[in-house]
Amino acid sequence: MYLVVIAWLYVTIMMAVAEATSTTGSLLGAAITFVLYGLLPLSIVVYILGTPGRRRAIHAREMAERAAAAQEASAAASADPDARGEAPAAAEGGTVAPVRKEP
C-alpha cells in the first residue's frame, strides 16, 4: 500500500513542478494542483484502507483488557477464600449425621 502512496505523491509532485515551471503556470497553481490531486484524495484513500487495521487493533486491545480483568478477578478470588462473605468451612461442624429411614 505504501508503494502506491509514494508513487502517487511522486506523480503529483511532478505535476506540480510542471505547473510551476510552465510559462503560463504559477506557484499558486502548482500548490493547488498538489493539494487537490495529491494530498486530499490520498489522505482519504489511506484513511479508508487503514480502517480494517484500526479495527483489529481496537479488538485486540479490548480482548487484552478483558483477559487482564479476568485474570485479576480470578487471582483475587483465589487469594482470599472468605472474600465473598461466606462462613469458613470449619464453622459448620465436624461431621454430618447420617439420615436413616424410620421403621
Protein backbone atom coordinates (compact mmCIF):
# COMPACT_ATOMS: atom_id res chain seq x y z
CA MET A 1 0.00 0.00 0.00
CA TYR A 2 2.80 2.41 0.85
CA LEU A 3 4.39 1.91 -2.56
CA VAL A 4 1.22 3.18 -4.24
CA VAL A 5 1.12 6.16 -1.88
CA ILE A 6 4.73 7.07 -2.63
CA ALA A 7 4.22 6.63 -6.38
CA TRP A 8 1.10 8.80 -6.41
CA LEU A 9 2.83 11.53 -4.40
CA TYR A 10 5.73 11.40 -6.87
CA VAL A 11 3.34 11.82 -9.80
CA THR A 12 1.55 14.76 -8.19
CA ILE A 13 4.85 16.44 -7.27
CA MET A 14 5.94 16.11 -10.89
CA MET A 15 2.60 17.60 -11.99
CA ALA A 16 3.11 20.50 -9.58
CA VAL A 17 6.68 21.05 -10.81
CA ALA A 18 5.44 21.06 -14.41
CA GLU A 19 2.76 23.59 -13.44
CA ALA A 20 5.26 25.82 -11.64
CA THR A 21 7.87 25.78 -14.41
CA SER A 22 5.40 26.28 -17.25
CA THR A 23 5.40 29.67 -18.93
CA THR A 24 1.68 30.08 -18.23
CA GLY A 25 1.72 28.40 -14.80
CA SER A 26 2.21 29.79 -11.32
CA LEU A 27 3.31 28.64 -7.90
CA LEU A 28 -0.24 29.02 -6.61
CA GLY A 29 -1.47 26.74 -9.38
CA ALA A 30 1.26 24.24 -8.53
CA ALA A 31 0.26 24.25 -4.84
CA ILE A 32 -3.42 23.81 -5.69
CA THR A 33 -2.56 21.01 -8.10
CA PHE A 34 -0.51 19.21 -5.45
CA VAL A 35 -3.14 19.59 -2.74
CA LEU A 36 -6.22 18.78 -4.83
CA TYR A 37 -4.70 15.97 -6.92
CA GLY A 38 -2.29 14.59 -4.34
CA LEU A 39 -2.79 15.19 -0.66
CA LEU A 40 -6.56 15.38 -0.36
CA PRO A 41 -7.53 12.24 -2.34
CA LEU A 42 -4.57 10.31 -0.99
CA SER A 43 -5.43 11.09 2.63
CA ILE A 44 -9.00 9.87 2.08
CA VAL A 45 -7.82 6.64 0.41
CA VAL A 46 -5.22 5.93 3.12
CA TYR A 47 -7.83 6.51 5.84
CA ILE A 48 -10.32 4.14 4.20
CA LEU A 49 -7.73 1.45 3.55
CA GLY A 50 -6.42 1.71 7.13
CA THR A 51 -9.83 1.08 8.72
CA PRO A 52 -9.53 -2.75 9.00
CA GLY A 53 -6.16 -2.41 10.71
CA ARG A 54 -7.54 0.07 13.23
CA ARG A 55 -10.48 -2.24 13.94
CA ARG A 56 -8.14 -5.18 14.53
CA ALA A 57 -6.03 -3.08 16.90
CA ILE A 58 -9.08 -1.94 18.87
CA HIS A 59 -10.40 -5.51 19.08
CA ALA A 60 -7.01 -6.83 20.24
CA ARG A 61 -6.77 -4.11 22.88
CA GLU A 62 -10.28 -4.89 24.17
CA MET A 63 -9.52 -8.62 24.35
CA ALA A 64 -6.30 -7.92 26.26
CA GLU A 65 -8.21 -5.73 28.73
CA ARG A 66 -10.84 -8.46 29.21
CA ALA A 67 -8.16 -11.10 29.76
CA ALA A 68 -6.37 -8.89 32.29
CA ALA A 69 -9.63 -8.21 34.14
CA ALA A 70 -10.49 -11.92 34.22
CA GLN A 71 -7.03 -12.82 35.44
CA GLU A 72 -7.21 -10.15 38.12
CA ALA A 73 -10.63 -11.36 39.25
CA SER A 74 -9.50 -14.99 39.43
CA ALA A 75 -6.35 -14.02 41.33
CA ALA A 76 -8.37 -12.00 43.83
CA ALA A 77 -10.88 -14.83 44.32
CA SER A 78 -8.23 -17.49 44.85
CA ALA A 79 -6.08 -15.37 47.16
CA ASP A 80 -8.77 -14.75 49.78
CA PRO A 81 -11.32 -17.56 50.09
CA ASP A 82 -13.51 -15.57 52.51
CA ALA A 83 -13.77 -12.58 50.19
CA ARG A 84 -17.37 -13.40 49.23
CA GLY A 85 -18.59 -13.17 52.82
CA GLU A 86 -19.30 -16.87 53.28
CA ALA A 87 -18.55 -18.64 56.52
CA PRO A 88 -15.40 -20.72 56.62
CA ALA A 89 -15.77 -24.49 56.35
CA ALA A 90 -14.55 -25.13 59.92
CA ALA A 91 -17.51 -23.27 61.48
CA GLU A 92 -20.07 -25.75 60.13
CA GLY A 93 -19.07 -28.62 62.37
CA GLY A 94 -17.01 -31.76 62.17
CA THR A 95 -19.34 -34.33 60.60
CA VAL A 96 -22.82 -34.61 59.23
CA ALA A 97 -25.19 -37.06 60.89
CA PRO A 98 -26.44 -39.84 58.58
CA VAL A 99 -30.07 -39.79 57.58
CA ARG A 100 -32.00 -43.04 58.25
CA LYS A 101 -35.45 -44.26 57.39
CA GLU A 102 -37.87 -44.52 60.23
CA PRO A 103 -39.08 -48.08 60.97
